[in-house]
Structures are given as structure tokens and as C-alpha cells.
Amino acid sequence: MSEQFIRVYKYMDVSEIKQNLLVYGDISGSCAKCNAISVKLDSVECPECKTKFNYISFRNIKSHLPKLPRVLGERPYLAIIDFEDYSRNMGKSKAEDLFK
């Protein structure tokens, strides 16, 4: 049987994800925790704050689909986070914090 990528939904705390998330754009990435820029896709940890990346999110997942087997082959512990879900939930979390 052939394995394929498939989305799985799970309740998670976005503030915990942010602590260990690499957000990758078209050319380079950034650390969600400290906002360090120019982080390479193959980075295991943030070059500035030394946070280990347990999660990765792509701003445009469709352009990076061919890279996923290699990335997950090298680091099978990584969980892929949907960027739209992450952004929406971070915004919601920030809005809730304003009203506390």
C-alpha cells in the first residue's frame, strides 16, 4: 500500500505550538518564538534563541509539497501545522487576551 500525506485535525494549544514552530515562506523561514528571520528549511533549531523546531508551517504549502518527503525523512518527529489554521487561531487567542 502506498503512503500519502493526509491532514489530521487535533486540538492543540497554539501558544505551545508557537514556542517550537518554524514558519517557512517561499525562500526562507522564521522562528515563531523569537521572530528570527532567514532560518533555513533544514534547521533543527533556531540560530538565535536555540529553540528546537518540533513543528513546521508553510505559508504556501502547495509550492513546498515536493520537499515534504525529504524534510520528514530527515526529521520524522516534525509535525506539519496548517499556516492558515495557525494564523487564525493566533489572532483569536490575541483577541481573547485583550478582553481578559
PDB file of N, CA and C in Angstrom:
ATOM      1  N   MET A   1       0.840  -1.179   0.000  1.00  0.00           N
ATOM      2  CA  MET A   1       0.000   0.000   0.000  1.00  0.00           C
ATOM      3  C   MET A   1       0.886   1.245   0.000  1.00  0.00           C
ATOM      4  N   SER A   2       0.507   2.231  -0.746  1.00  0.00           N
ATOM      5  CA  SER A   2       1.272   3.464  -0.896  1.00  0.00           C
ATOM      6  C   SER A   2       0.848   4.496   0.155  1.00  0.00           C
ATOM      7  N   GLU A   3       1.828   5.044   0.871  1.00  0.00           N
ATOM      8  CA  GLU A   3       1.532   6.071   1.864  1.00  0.00           C
ATOM      9  C   GLU A   3       1.458   7.435   1.195  1.00  0.00           C
ATOM     10  N   GLN A   4       0.507   8.238   1.628  1.00  0.00           N
ATOM     11  CA  GLN A   4       0.293   9.577   1.099  1.00  0.00           C
ATOM     12  C   GLN A   4       0.136  10.545   2.270  1.00  0.00           C
ATOM     13  N   PHE A   5       0.338  11.825   1.997  1.00  0.00           N
ATOM     14  CA  PHE A   5       0.086  12.839   3.015  1.00  0.00           C
ATOM     15  C   PHE A   5      -1.413  13.048   3.130  1.00  0.00           C
ATOM     16  N   ILE A   6      -1.877  13.140   4.363  1.00  0.00           N
ATOM     17  CA  ILE A   6      -3.288  13.388   4.627  1.00  0.00           C
ATOM     18  C   ILE A   6      -3.377  14.280   5.870  1.00  0.00           C
ATOM     19  N   ARG A   7      -4.316  15.188   5.866  1.00  0.00           N
ATOM     20  CA  ARG A   7      -4.478  16.091   7.003  1.00  0.00           C
ATOM     21  C   ARG A   7      -5.148  15.363   8.162  1.00  0.00           C
ATOM     22  N   VAL A   8      -4.681  15.668   9.355  1.00  0.00           N
ATOM     23  CA  VAL A   8      -5.263  15.126  10.577  1.00  0.00           C
ATOM     24  C   VAL A   8      -5.519  16.314  11.500  1.00  0.00           C
ATOM     25  N   TYR A   9      -6.718  16.413  12.023  1.00  0.00           N
ATOM     26  CA  TYR A   9      -7.046  17.525  12.907  1.00  0.00           C
ATOM     27  C   TYR A   9      -6.985  17.076  14.358  1.00  0.00           C
ATOM     28  N   LYS A  10      -6.435  17.961  15.195  1.00  0.00           N
ATOM     29  CA  LYS A  10      -6.228  17.637  16.600  1.00  0.00           C
ATOM     30  C   LYS A  10      -6.330  18.927  17.403  1.00  0.00           C
ATOM     31  N   TYR A  11      -6.964  18.872  18.567  1.00  0.00           N
ATOM     32  CA  TYR A  11      -6.997  20.037  19.449  1.00  0.00           C
ATOM     33  C   TYR A  11      -5.604  20.259  20.014  1.00  0.00           C
ATOM     34  N   MET A  12      -5.103  21.480  19.838  1.00  0.00           N
ATOM     35  CA  MET A  12      -3.779  21.824  20.354  1.00  0.00           C
ATOM     36  C   MET A  12      -3.802  23.273  20.823  1.00  0.00           C
ATOM     37  N   ASP A  13      -2.925  23.599  21.730  1.00  0.00           N
ATOM     38  CA  ASP A  13      -2.778  24.959  22.232  1.00  0.00           C
ATOM     39  C   ASP A  13      -1.802  25.703  21.314  1.00  0.00           C
ATOM     40  N   VAL A  14      -2.288  26.734  20.604  1.00  0.00           N
ATOM     41  CA  VAL A  14      -1.427  27.436  19.648  1.00  0.00           C
ATOM     42  C   VAL A  14      -0.255  28.136  20.324  1.00  0.00           C
ATOM     43  N   SER A  15      -0.410  28.522  21.581  1.00  0.00           N
ATOM     44  CA  SER A  15       0.717  29.165  22.268  1.00  0.00           C
ATOM     45  C   SER A  15       1.851  28.166  22.500  1.00  0.00           C
ATOM     46  N   GLU A  16       1.525  26.889  22.676  1.00  0.00           N
ATOM     47  CA  GLU A  16       2.562  25.863  22.802  1.00  0.00           C
ATOM     48  C   GLU A  16       3.224  25.595  21.450  1.00  0.00           C
ATOM     49  N   ILE A  17       2.431  25.598  20.389  1.00  0.00           N
ATOM     50  CA  ILE A  17       2.981  25.394  19.046  1.00  0.00           C
ATOM     51  C   ILE A  17       3.952  26.515  18.712  1.00  0.00           C
ATOM     52  N   LYS A  18       3.569  27.746  19.029  1.00  0.00           N
ATOM     53  CA  LYS A  18       4.398  28.913  18.714  1.00  0.00           C
ATOM     54  C   LYS A  18       5.798  28.798  19.304  1.00  0.00           C
ATOM     55  N   GLN A  19       5.933  28.157  20.441  1.00  0.00           N
ATOM     56  CA  GLN A  19       7.226  28.035  21.119  1.00  0.00           C
ATOM     57  C   GLN A  19       8.229  27.184  20.349  1.00  0.00           C
ATOM     58  N   ASN A  20       7.757  26.348  19.424  1.00  0.00           N
ATOM     59  CA  ASN A  20       8.638  25.423  18.702  1.00  0.00           C
ATOM     60  C   ASN A  20       8.315  25.359  17.216  1.00  0.00           C
ATOM     61  N   LEU A  21       7.883  26.472  16.643  1.00  0.00           N
ATOM     62  CA  LEU A  21       7.413  26.476  15.261  1.00  0.00           C
ATOM     63  C   LEU A  21       8.365  27.204  14.319  1.00  0.00           C
ATOM     64  N   LEU A  22       8.667  26.550  13.213  1.00  0.00           N
ATOM     65  CA  LEU A  22       9.377  27.169  12.092  1.00  0.00           C
ATOM     66  C   LEU A  22       8.334  27.499  11.043  1.00  0.00           C
ATOM     67  N   VAL A  23       8.194  28.776  10.707  1.00  0.00           N
ATOM     68  CA  VAL A  23       7.268  29.212   9.661  1.00  0.00           C
ATOM     69  C   VAL A  23       8.098  29.449   8.414  1.00  0.00           C
ATOM     70  N   TYR A  24       7.793  28.703   7.360  1.00  0.00           N
ATOM     71  CA  TYR A  24       8.609  28.770   6.157  1.00  0.00           C
ATOM     72  C   TYR A  24       7.839  29.428   5.024  1.00  0.00           C
ATOM     73  N   GLY A  25       8.486  30.422   4.390  1.00  0.00           N
ATOM     74  CA  GLY A  25       7.900  31.134   3.261  1.00  0.00           C
ATOM     75  C   GLY A  25       8.419  30.586   1.952  1.00  0.00           C
ATOM     76  N   ASP A  26       8.511  31.422   0.941  1.00  0.00           N
ATOM     77  CA  ASP A  26       8.969  30.982  -0.376  1.00  0.00           C
ATOM     78  C   ASP A  26      10.461  30.688  -0.404  1.00  0.00           C
ATOM     79  N   ILE A  27      11.260  31.478   0.302  1.00  0.00           N
ATOM     80  CA  ILE A  27      12.716  31.353   0.221  1.00  0.00           C
ATOM     81  C   ILE A  27      13.347  30.953   1.548  1.00  0.00           C
ATOM     82  N   SER A  28      12.856  31.509   2.640  1.00  0.00           N
ATOM     83  CA  SER A  28      13.441  31.206   3.947  1.00  0.00           C
ATOM     84  C   SER A  28      12.349  31.188   5.004  1.00  0.00           C
ATOM     85  N   GLY A  29      12.759  30.862   6.217  1.00  0.00           N
ATOM     86  CA  GLY A  29      11.796  30.745   7.292  1.00  0.00           C
ATOM     87  C   GLY A  29      12.054  31.716   8.419  1.00  0.00           C
ATOM     88  N   SER A  30      11.181  31.642   9.405  1.00  0.00           N
ATOM     89  CA  SER A  30      11.341  32.457  10.599  1.00  0.00           C
ATOM     90  C   SER A  30      10.916  31.642  11.812  1.00  0.00           C
ATOM     91  N   CYS A  31      11.497  31.984  12.932  1.00  0.00           N
ATOM     92  CA  CYS A  31      11.164  31.343  14.201  1.00  0.00           C
ATOM     93  C   CYS A  31       9.936  32.053  14.764  1.00  0.00           C
ATOM     94  N   ALA A  32       8.889  31.304  15.054  1.00  0.00           N
ATOM     95  CA  ALA A  32       7.672  31.910  15.596  1.00  0.00           C
ATOM     96  C   ALA A  32       7.883  32.422  17.013  1.00  0.00           C
ATOM     97  N   LYS A  33       8.824  31.852  17.734  1.00  0.00           N
ATOM     98  CA  LYS A  33       9.056  32.241  19.129  1.00  0.00           C
ATOM     99  C   LYS A  33       9.763  33.590  19.235  1.00  0.00           C
ATOM    100  N   CYS A  34      10.889  33.755  18.519  1.00  0.00           N
ATOM    101  CA  CYS A  34      11.685  34.985  18.667  1.00  0.00           C
ATOM    102  C   CYS A  34      11.671  35.865  17.414  1.00  0.00           C
ATOM    103  N   ASN A  35      11.000  35.416  16.363  1.00  0.00           N
ATOM    104  CA  ASN A  35      10.895  36.142  15.094  1.00  0.00           C
ATOM    105  C   ASN A  35      12.217  36.279  14.353  1.00  0.00           C
ATOM    106  N   ALA A  36      13.161  35.391  14.632  1.00  0.00           N
ATOM    107  CA  ALA A  36      14.413  35.383  13.860  1.00  0.00           C
ATOM    108  C   ALA A  36      14.071  35.091  12.406  1.00  0.00           C
ATOM    109  N   ILE A  37      14.758  35.776  11.486  1.00  0.00           N
ATOM    110  CA  ILE A  37      14.476  35.585  10.063  1.00  0.00           C
ATOM    111  C   ILE A  37      15.638  34.873   9.374  1.00  0.00           C
ATOM    112  N   SER A  38      15.414  34.501   8.144  1.00  0.00           N
ATOM    113  CA  SER A  38      16.404  33.798   7.317  1.00  0.00           C
ATOM    114  C   SER A  38      16.795  32.443   7.902  1.00  0.00           C
ATOM    115  N   VAL A  39      15.838  31.765   8.516  1.00  0.00           N
ATOM    116  CA  VAL A  39      16.078  30.427   9.054  1.00  0.00           C
ATOM    117  C   VAL A  39      15.931  29.433   7.907  1.00  0.00           C
ATOM    118  N   LYS A  40      16.888  28.554   7.757  1.00  0.00           N
ATOM    119  CA  LYS A  40      16.888  27.593   6.660  1.00  0.00           C
ATOM    120  C   LYS A  40      15.924  26.441   6.953  1.00  0.00           C
ATOM    121  N   LEU A  41      15.413  25.860   5.878  1.00  0.00           N
ATOM    122  CA  LEU A  41      14.447  24.772   5.986  1.00  0.00           C
ATOM    123  C   LEU A  41      15.007  23.570   6.740  1.00  0.00           C
ATOM    124  N   ASP A  42      16.297  23.320   6.603  1.00  0.00           N
ATOM    125  CA  ASP A  42      16.889  22.153   7.262  1.00  0.00           C
ATOM    126  C   ASP A  42      17.377  22.440   8.684  1.00  0.00           C
ATOM    127  N   SER A  43      17.066  23.618   9.216  1.00  0.00           N
ATOM    128  CA  SER A  43      17.475  23.965  10.582  1.00  0.00           C
ATOM    129  C   SER A  43      16.697  23.136  11.600  1.00  0.00           C
ATOM    130  N   VAL A  44      17.410  22.549  12.522  1.00  0.00           N
ATOM    131  CA  VAL A  44      16.800  21.757  13.589  1.00  0.00           C
ATOM    132  C   VAL A  44      16.373  22.665  14.735  1.00  0.00           C
ATOM    133  N   GLU A  45      17.109  23.767  14.905  1.00  0.00           N
ATOM    134  CA  GLU A  45      16.795  24.722  15.961  1.00  0.00           C
ATOM    135  C   GLU A  45      16.989  26.136  15.449  1.00  0.00           C
ATOM    136  N   CYS A  46      16.423  27.082  16.167  1.00  0.00           N
ATOM    137  CA  CYS A  46      16.564  28.491  15.809  1.00  0.00           C
ATOM    138  C   CYS A  46      18.011  28.924  16.041  1.00  0.00           C
ATOM    139  N   PRO A  47      18.623  29.598  15.068  1.00  0.00           N
ATOM    140  CA  PRO A  47      20.003  30.044  15.252  1.00  0.00           C
ATOM    141  C   PRO A  47      20.150  31.118  16.335  1.00  0.00           C
ATOM    142  N   GLU A  48      19.067  31.802  16.678  1.00  0.00           N
ATOM    143  CA  GLU A  48      19.155  32.867  17.683  1.00  0.00           C
ATOM    144  C   GLU A  48      18.747  32.414  19.083  1.00  0.00           C
ATOM    145  N   CYS A  49      17.539  31.871  19.226  1.00  0.00           N
ATOM    146  CA  CYS A  49      17.063  31.509  20.576  1.00  0.00           C
ATOM    147  C   CYS A  49      17.284  30.038  20.918  1.00  0.00           C
ATOM    148  N   LYS A  50      17.796  29.273  19.962  1.00  0.00           N
ATOM    149  CA  LYS A  50      18.138  27.847  20.162  1.00  0.00           C
ATOM    150  C   LYS A  50      16.940  26.944  20.453  1.00  0.00           C
ATOM    151  N   THR A  51      15.737  27.416  20.151  1.00  0.00           N
ATOM    152  CA  THR A  51      14.546  26.592  20.308  1.00  0.00           C
ATOM    153  C   THR A  51      14.572  25.459  19.295  1.00  0.00           C
ATOM    154  N   LYS A  52      14.259  24.250  19.744  1.00  0.00           N
ATOM    155  CA  LYS A  52      14.178  23.111  18.833  1.00  0.00           C
ATOM    156  C   LYS A  52      12.842  23.185  18.100  1.00  0.00           C
ATOM    157  N   PHE A  53      12.885  23.043  16.779  1.00  0.00           N
ATOM    158  CA  PHE A  53      11.664  23.069  15.985  1.00  0.00           C
ATOM    159  C   PHE A  53      11.011  21.691  15.990  1.00  0.00           C
ATOM    160  N   ASN A  54       9.825  21.609  16.602  1.00  0.00           N
ATOM    161  CA  ASN A  54       9.029  20.382  16.597  1.00  0.00           C
ATOM    162  C   ASN A  54       7.903  20.463  15.584  1.00  0.00           C
ATOM    163  N   TYR A  55       7.631  21.699  15.125  1.00  0.00           N
ATOM    164  CA  TYR A  55       6.547  21.945  14.184  1.00  0.00           C
ATOM    165  C   TYR A  55       7.076  22.782  13.032  1.00  0.00           C
ATOM    166  N   ILE A  56       6.466  22.590  11.874  1.00  0.00           N
ATOM    167  CA  ILE A  56       6.801  23.414  10.717  1.00  0.00           C
ATOM    168  C   ILE A  56       5.501  23.792  10.026  1.00  0.00           C
ATOM    169  N   SER A  57       5.446  25.020   9.562  1.00  0.00           N
ATOM    170  CA  SER A  57       4.280  25.522   8.862  1.00  0.00           C
ATOM    171  C   SER A  57       4.751  26.245   7.609  1.00  0.00           C
ATOM    172  N   PHE A  58       4.056  26.025   6.516  1.00  0.00           N
ATOM    173  CA  PHE A  58       4.420  26.645   5.245  1.00  0.00           C
ATOM    174  C   PHE A  58       3.382  27.691   4.878  1.00  0.00           C
ATOM    175  N   ARG A  59       3.855  28.890   4.557  1.00  0.00           N
ATOM    176  CA  ARG A  59       2.931  29.952   4.147  1.00  0.00           C
ATOM    177  C   ARG A  59       2.182  29.558   2.881  1.00  0.00           C
ATOM    178  N   ASN A  60       2.853  28.826   1.990  1.00  0.00           N
ATOM    179  CA  ASN A  60       2.220  28.335   0.764  1.00  0.00           C
ATOM    180  C   ASN A  60       2.561  26.851   0.628  1.00  0.00           C
ATOM    181  N   ILE A  61       1.758  26.013   1.226  1.00  0.00           N
ATOM    182  CA  ILE A  61       2.056  24.584   1.286  1.00  0.00           C
ATOM    183  C   ILE A  61       2.157  23.955  -0.098  1.00  0.00           C
ATOM    184  N   LYS A  62       1.355  24.416  -1.046  1.00  0.00           N
ATOM    185  CA  LYS A  62       1.355  23.795  -2.378  1.00  0.00           C
ATOM    186  C   LYS A  62       2.706  23.905  -3.072  1.00  0.00           C
ATOM    187  N   SER A  63       3.404  25.000  -2.867  1.00  0.00           N
ATOM    188  CA  SER A  63       4.708  25.152  -3.518  1.00  0.00           C
ATOM    189  C   SER A  63       5.789  24.317  -2.837  1.00  0.00           C
ATOM    190  N   HIS A  64       5.527  23.851  -1.627  1.00  0.00           N
ATOM    191  CA  HIS A  64       6.524  23.084  -0.880  1.00  0.00           C
ATOM    192  C   HIS A  64       6.208  21.595  -0.781  1.00  0.00           C
ATOM    193  N   LEU A  65       5.098  21.150  -1.345  1.00  0.00           N
ATOM    194  CA  LEU A  65       4.739  19.730  -1.266  1.00  0.00           C
ATOM    195  C   LEU A  65       5.846  18.793  -1.737  1.00  0.00           C
ATOM    196  N   PRO A  66       6.567  19.113  -2.817  1.00  0.00           N
ATOM    197  CA  PRO A  66       7.636  18.199  -3.241  1.00  0.00           C
ATOM    198  C   PRO A  66       8.763  18.038  -2.213  1.00  0.00           C
ATOM    199  N   LYS A  67       8.933  19.018  -1.332  1.00  0.00           N
ATOM    200  CA  LYS A  67      10.003  18.970  -0.329  1.00  0.00           C
ATOM    201  C   LYS A  67       9.628  18.152   0.907  1.00  0.00           C
ATOM    202  N   LEU A  68       8.350  17.936   1.126  1.00  0.00           N
ATOM    203  CA  LEU A  68       7.904  17.311   2.367  1.00  0.00           C
ATOM    204  C   LEU A  68       8.471  15.919   2.614  1.00  0.00           C
ATOM    205  N   PRO A  69       8.506  15.028   1.624  1.00  0.00           N
ATOM    206  CA  PRO A  69       9.082  13.701   1.913  1.00  0.00           C
ATOM    207  C   PRO A  69      10.534  13.778   2.391  1.00  0.00           C
ATOM    208  N   ARG A  70      11.314  14.667   1.801  1.00  0.00           N
ATOM    209  CA  ARG A  70      12.710  14.816   2.214  1.00  0.00           C
ATOM    210  C   ARG A  70      12.801  15.383   3.628  1.00  0.00           C
ATOM    211  N   VAL A  71      12.046  16.442   3.890  1.00  0.00           N
ATOM    212  CA  VAL A  71      12.084  17.087   5.204  1.00  0.00           C
ATOM    213  C   VAL A  71      11.663  16.104   6.296  1.00  0.00           C
ATOM    214  N   LEU A  72      10.563  15.399   6.078  1.00  0.00           N
ATOM    215  CA  LEU A  72      10.084  14.464   7.096  1.00  0.00           C
ATOM    216  C   LEU A  72      10.931  13.201   7.156  1.00  0.00           C
ATOM    217  N   GLY A  73      11.602  12.863   6.067  1.00  0.00           N
ATOM    218  CA  GLY A  73      12.530  11.737   6.092  1.00  0.00           C
ATOM    219  C   GLY A  73      13.732  12.036   6.965  1.00  0.00           C
ATOM    220  N   GLU A  74      14.198  13.286   6.915  1.00  0.00           N
ATOM    221  CA  GLU A  74      15.339  13.706   7.731  1.00  0.00           C
ATOM    222  C   GLU A  74      14.943  13.968   9.180  1.00  0.00           C
ATOM    223  N   ARG A  75      13.709  14.447   9.383  1.00  0.00           N
ATOM    224  CA  ARG A  75      13.239  14.778  10.739  1.00  0.00           C
ATOM    225  C   ARG A  75      11.805  14.263  10.937  1.00  0.00           C
ATOM    226  N   PRO A  76      11.654  12.963  11.149  1.00  0.00           N
ATOM    227  CA  PRO A  76      10.316  12.373  11.247  1.00  0.00           C
ATOM    228  C   PRO A  76       9.501  12.853  12.448  1.00  0.00           C
ATOM    229  N   TYR A  77      10.135  13.481  13.407  1.00  0.00           N
ATOM    230  CA  TYR A  77       9.429  13.977  14.594  1.00  0.00           C
ATOM    231  C   TYR A  77       8.655  15.266  14.314  1.00  0.00           C
ATOM    232  N   LEU A  78       8.930  15.933  13.179  1.00  0.00           N
ATOM    233  CA  LEU A  78       8.250  17.188  12.864  1.00  0.00           C
ATOM    234  C   LEU A  78       6.771  16.960  12.580  1.00  0.00           C
ATOM    235  N   ALA A  79       5.949  17.851  13.090  1.00  0.00           N
ATOM    236  CA  ALA A  79       4.524  17.858  12.760  1.00  0.00           C
ATOM    237  C   ALA A  79       4.284  19.060  11.859  1.00  0.00           C
ATOM    238  N   ILE A  80       3.542  18.864  10.793  1.00  0.00           N
ATOM    239  CA  ILE A  80       3.231  19.953   9.865  1.00  0.00           C
ATOM    240  C   ILE A  80       1.948  20.622  10.339  1.00  0.00           C
ATOM    241  N   ILE A  81       2.024  21.928  10.528  1.00  0.00           N
ATOM    242  CA  ILE A  81       0.897  22.723  11.001  1.00  0.00           C
ATOM    243  C   ILE A  81       0.372  23.555   9.835  1.00  0.00           C
ATOM    244  N   ASP A  82      -0.941  23.542   9.634  1.00  0.00           N
ATOM    245  CA  ASP A  82      -1.546  24.351   8.583  1.00  0.00           C
ATOM    246  C   ASP A  82      -1.396  25.828   8.953  1.00  0.00           C
ATOM    247  N   PHE A  83      -0.765  26.612   8.073  1.00  0.00           N
ATOM    248  CA  PHE A  83      -0.468  28.010   8.384  1.00  0.00           C
ATOM    249  C   PHE A  83      -1.735  28.838   8.575  1.00  0.00           C
ATOM    250  N   GLU A  84      -2.748  28.595   7.757  1.00  0.00           N
ATOM    251  CA  GLU A  84      -3.994  29.354   7.894  1.00  0.00           C
ATOM    252  C   GLU A  84      -4.655  29.075   9.241  1.00  0.00           C
ATOM    253  N   ASP A  85      -4.682  27.807   9.640  1.00  0.00           N
ATOM    254  CA  ASP A  85      -5.248  27.460  10.949  1.00  0.00           C
ATOM    255  C   ASP A  85      -4.451  28.124  12.071  1.00  0.00           C
ATOM    256  N   TYR A  86      -3.133  28.044  11.972  1.00  0.00           N
ATOM    257  CA  TYR A  86      -2.263  28.633  12.990  1.00  0.00           C
ATOM    258  C   TYR A  86      -2.498  30.143  13.086  1.00  0.00           C
ATOM    259  N   SER A  87      -2.491  30.832  11.956  1.00  0.00           N
ATOM    260  CA  SER A  87      -2.669  32.293  11.943  1.00  0.00           C
ATOM    261  C   SER A  87      -4.031  32.693  12.498  1.00  0.00           C
ATOM    262  N   ARG A  88      -5.064  31.999  12.069  1.00  0.00           N
ATOM    263  CA  ARG A  88      -6.414  32.313  12.523  1.00  0.00           C
ATOM    264  C   ARG A  88      -6.533  32.109  14.042  1.00  0.00           C
ATOM    265  N   ASN A  89      -6.005  31.005  14.530  1.00  0.00           N
ATOM    266  CA  ASN A  89      -6.102  30.722  15.961  1.00  0.00           C
ATOM    267  C   ASN A  89      -5.209  31.623  16.803  1.00  0.00           C
ATOM    268  N   MET A  90      -4.063  32.047  16.273  1.00  0.00           N
ATOM    269  CA  MET A  90      -3.223  33.008  16.998  1.00  0.00           C
ATOM    270  C   MET A  90      -3.947  34.344  17.106  1.00  0.00           C
ATOM    271  N   GLY A  91      -4.590  34.775  16.026  1.00  0.00           N
ATOM    272  CA  GLY A  91      -5.358  36.015  16.055  1.00  0.00           C
ATOM    273  C   GLY A  91      -6.499  35.944  17.052  1.00  0.00           C
ATOM    274  N   LYS A  92      -7.179  34.812  17.064  1.00  0.00           N
ATOM    275  CA  LYS A  92      -8.280  34.605  18.004  1.00  0.00           C
ATOM    276  C   LYS A  92      -7.765  34.632  19.442  1.00  0.00           C
ATOM    277  N   SER A  93      -6.632  34.001  19.678  1.00  0.00           N
ATOM    278  CA  SER A  93      -6.030  33.963  21.011  1.00  0.00           C
ATOM    279  C   SER A  93      -5.625  35.364  21.471  1.00  0.00           C
ATOM    280  N   LYS A  94      -5.045  36.151  20.567  1.00  0.00           N
ATOM    281  CA  LYS A  94      -4.650  37.523  20.910  1.00  0.00           C
ATOM    282  C   LYS A  94      -5.870  38.378  21.226  1.00  0.00           C
ATOM    283  N   ALA A  95      -6.948  38.196  20.451  1.00  0.00           N
ATOM    284  CA  ALA A  95      -8.173  38.954  20.695  1.00  0.00           C
ATOM    285  C   ALA A  95      -8.773  38.591  22.052  1.00  0.00           C
ATOM    286  N   GLU A  96      -8.759  37.308  22.388  1.00  0.00           N
ATOM    287  CA  GLU A  96      -9.276  36.876  23.691  1.00  0.00           C
ATOM    288  C   GLU A  96      -8.447  37.464  24.826  1.00  0.00           C
ATOM    289  N   ASP A  97      -7.135  37.560  24.633  1.00  0.00           N
ATOM    290  CA  ASP A  97      -6.258  38.120  25.664  1.00  0.00           C
ATOM    291  C   ASP A  97      -6.549  39.600  25.918  1.00  0.00           C
ATOM    292  N   LEU A  98      -7.008  40.320  24.889  1.00  0.00           N
ATOM    293  CA  LEU A  98      -7.334  41.735  25.057  1.00  0.00           C
ATOM    294  C   LEU A  98      -8.511  41.936  26.001  1.00  0.00           C
ATOM    295  N   PHE A  99      -9.418  40.966  26.009  1.00  0.00           N
ATOM    296  CA  PHE A  99     -10.627  41.104  26.819  1.00  0.00           C
ATOM    297  C   PHE A  99     -10.513  40.451  28.193  1.00  0.00           C
ATOM    298  N   LYS A 100      -9.337  40.011  28.557  1.00  0.00           N
ATOM    299  CA  LYS A 100      -9.146  39.401  29.888  1.00  0.00           C
ATOM    300  C   LYS A 100      -8.865  40.463  30.914  1.00  0.00           C
TER     301      LYS A 100
END
